[in-house]
Protein backbone atom coordinates (compact mmCIF):
# COMPACT_ATOMS: atom_id res chain seq x y z
CA MET A 1 -21.58 5.82 40.71
CA ALA A 2 -19.76 5.35 44.17
CA THR A 3 -15.78 5.56 44.36
CA ALA A 4 -14.15 4.43 47.34
CA THR A 5 -10.33 5.54 47.61
CA LYS A 6 -7.30 4.07 49.70
CA LYS A 7 -3.95 4.07 49.29
CA LYS A 8 -3.38 3.97 45.73
CA THR A 9 -5.76 1.44 45.12
CA LYS A 10 -9.47 3.36 43.19
CA VAL A 11 -12.10 1.17 42.87
CA ASN A 12 -15.67 2.20 41.21
CA LEU A 13 -18.13 -0.32 42.37
CA GLN A 14 -21.98 0.19 41.77
CA PRO A 15 -24.00 -2.58 43.82
CA LEU A 16 -27.48 -3.21 42.54
CA GLY A 17 -31.31 -3.11 44.28
CA ASP A 18 -30.91 -3.08 48.08
CA ARG A 19 -27.25 -3.97 48.04
CA ILE A 20 -24.41 -2.39 49.98
CA VAL A 21 -20.44 -2.79 49.82
CA VAL A 22 -18.55 -2.08 53.07
CA GLN A 23 -15.08 -1.80 53.93
CA ARG A 24 -14.64 -4.06 57.09
CA GLU A 25 -12.43 -2.38 59.77
CA GLU A 26 -8.86 -3.06 60.72
CA SER A 27 -8.76 -5.67 63.24
CA GLU A 28 -6.52 -5.13 66.35
CA ALA A 29 -3.29 -6.94 66.47
CA VAL A 30 -2.60 -6.54 70.24
CA THR A 31 -5.13 -7.20 73.03
CA ASP A 32 -5.70 -4.68 76.28
CA GLY A 33 -3.45 -7.28 77.88
CA GLY A 34 -0.16 -6.52 75.49
CA ILE A 35 -0.51 -10.26 73.98
CA TYR A 36 0.29 -9.84 70.16
CA LEU A 37 -2.27 -11.88 67.91
CA PRO A 38 -1.13 -13.16 64.59
CA ASP A 39 -3.44 -13.08 61.78
CA SER A 40 -4.51 -16.85 62.20
CA ALA A 41 -5.93 -16.11 65.52
CA LYS A 42 -8.09 -12.74 64.94
CA ASP A 43 -11.65 -12.67 64.85
CA LYS A 44 -12.77 -11.22 61.20
CA PRO A 45 -14.26 -7.51 62.48
CA THR A 46 -17.58 -7.10 61.80
CA ARG A 47 -17.82 -3.53 61.78
CA GLY A 48 -17.59 -1.33 58.61
CA VAL A 49 -17.68 1.64 56.69
CA VAL A 50 -20.44 1.84 53.80
CA VAL A 51 -18.59 3.07 50.67
CA SER A 52 -21.44 2.21 47.96
CA VAL A 53 -24.80 1.59 48.20
CA GLY A 54 -27.37 0.78 45.37
CA ASP A 55 -30.77 2.12 43.92
CA GLY A 56 -32.81 0.45 46.06
CA LYS A 57 -35.35 -2.92 46.46
CA LEU A 58 -37.61 -2.90 43.49
CA LEU A 59 -41.06 -2.75 44.74
CA ASP A 60 -44.34 -5.05 43.38
CA ASP A 61 -45.59 -1.56 41.93
CA GLY A 62 -42.00 -0.78 39.84
CA SER A 63 -40.86 1.71 41.92
CA ARG A 64 -38.15 1.95 43.81
CA GLY A 65 -37.71 1.20 47.91
CA GLU A 66 -35.60 4.26 49.94
CA MET A 67 -32.45 3.09 50.81
CA GLN A 68 -31.94 3.14 54.94
CA LEU A 69 -28.14 3.61 54.98
CA ALA A 70 -25.83 6.21 53.21
CA VAL A 71 -22.37 6.30 52.02
CA GLY A 72 -19.90 6.64 54.79
CA ASP A 73 -21.98 5.28 57.43
CA ARG A 74 -20.62 2.93 59.96
CA VAL A 75 -22.23 -0.51 60.55
CA LEU A 76 -22.32 -3.86 62.67
CA PHE A 77 -23.24 -6.59 61.00
CA THR A 78 -22.67 -10.73 61.91
CA SER A 79 -19.47 -12.24 60.95
CA TYR A 80 -21.06 -14.27 58.24
CA ALA A 81 -23.14 -11.62 56.55
CA GLY A 82 -21.68 -10.72 52.41
CA GLU A 83 -19.84 -12.20 50.11
CA ALA A 84 -16.14 -11.51 50.12
CA ILE A 85 -15.03 -9.81 47.48
CA GLU A 86 -11.02 -8.51 46.75
CA ILE A 87 -10.23 -5.92 44.55
CA GLY A 88 -6.37 -5.52 43.88
CA ASP A 89 -4.79 -5.45 47.69
CA GLU A 90 -8.35 -4.81 49.34
CA GLU A 91 -11.08 -6.57 50.82
CA TYR A 92 -14.82 -5.62 50.41
CA LEU A 93 -18.22 -7.10 51.29
CA LEU A 94 -21.03 -7.39 49.25
CA MET A 95 -24.19 -7.73 51.14
CA SER A 96 -27.94 -6.51 51.04
CA GLU A 97 -28.58 -3.85 52.85
CA ASN A 98 -30.84 -6.27 55.61
CA GLU A 99 -27.82 -8.11 56.78
CA VAL A 100 -26.79 -4.76 58.41
CA LEU A 101 -27.77 -5.04 62.29
CA ALA A 102 -27.37 -1.22 63.32
CA VAL A 103 -25.61 1.81 62.44
CA LEU A 104 -23.05 2.84 64.63
CA GLU A 105 -22.90 6.64 65.54
């Protein structure tokens, strides 16, 4: 079972099939010009870190497909991807692996 730790919160999430759990990166509060942005004016970040991965998609022959993503990968996704989940004071996204657009290196 995968474990994600941050601050004092410890979360155990094991997604099923080809699903992954992503923690969004923090959005910047100040623009390049020095203007402070309130939370209501910020776009939700479309980048994050994979904190847990499933076993892989179940194929027609009964075997599991190999996951392309691994825990710790920095990924890029659309702003509408995944389902937001709040655990304690942390927010995570539960999404299918095919909703990820790219891996950032």
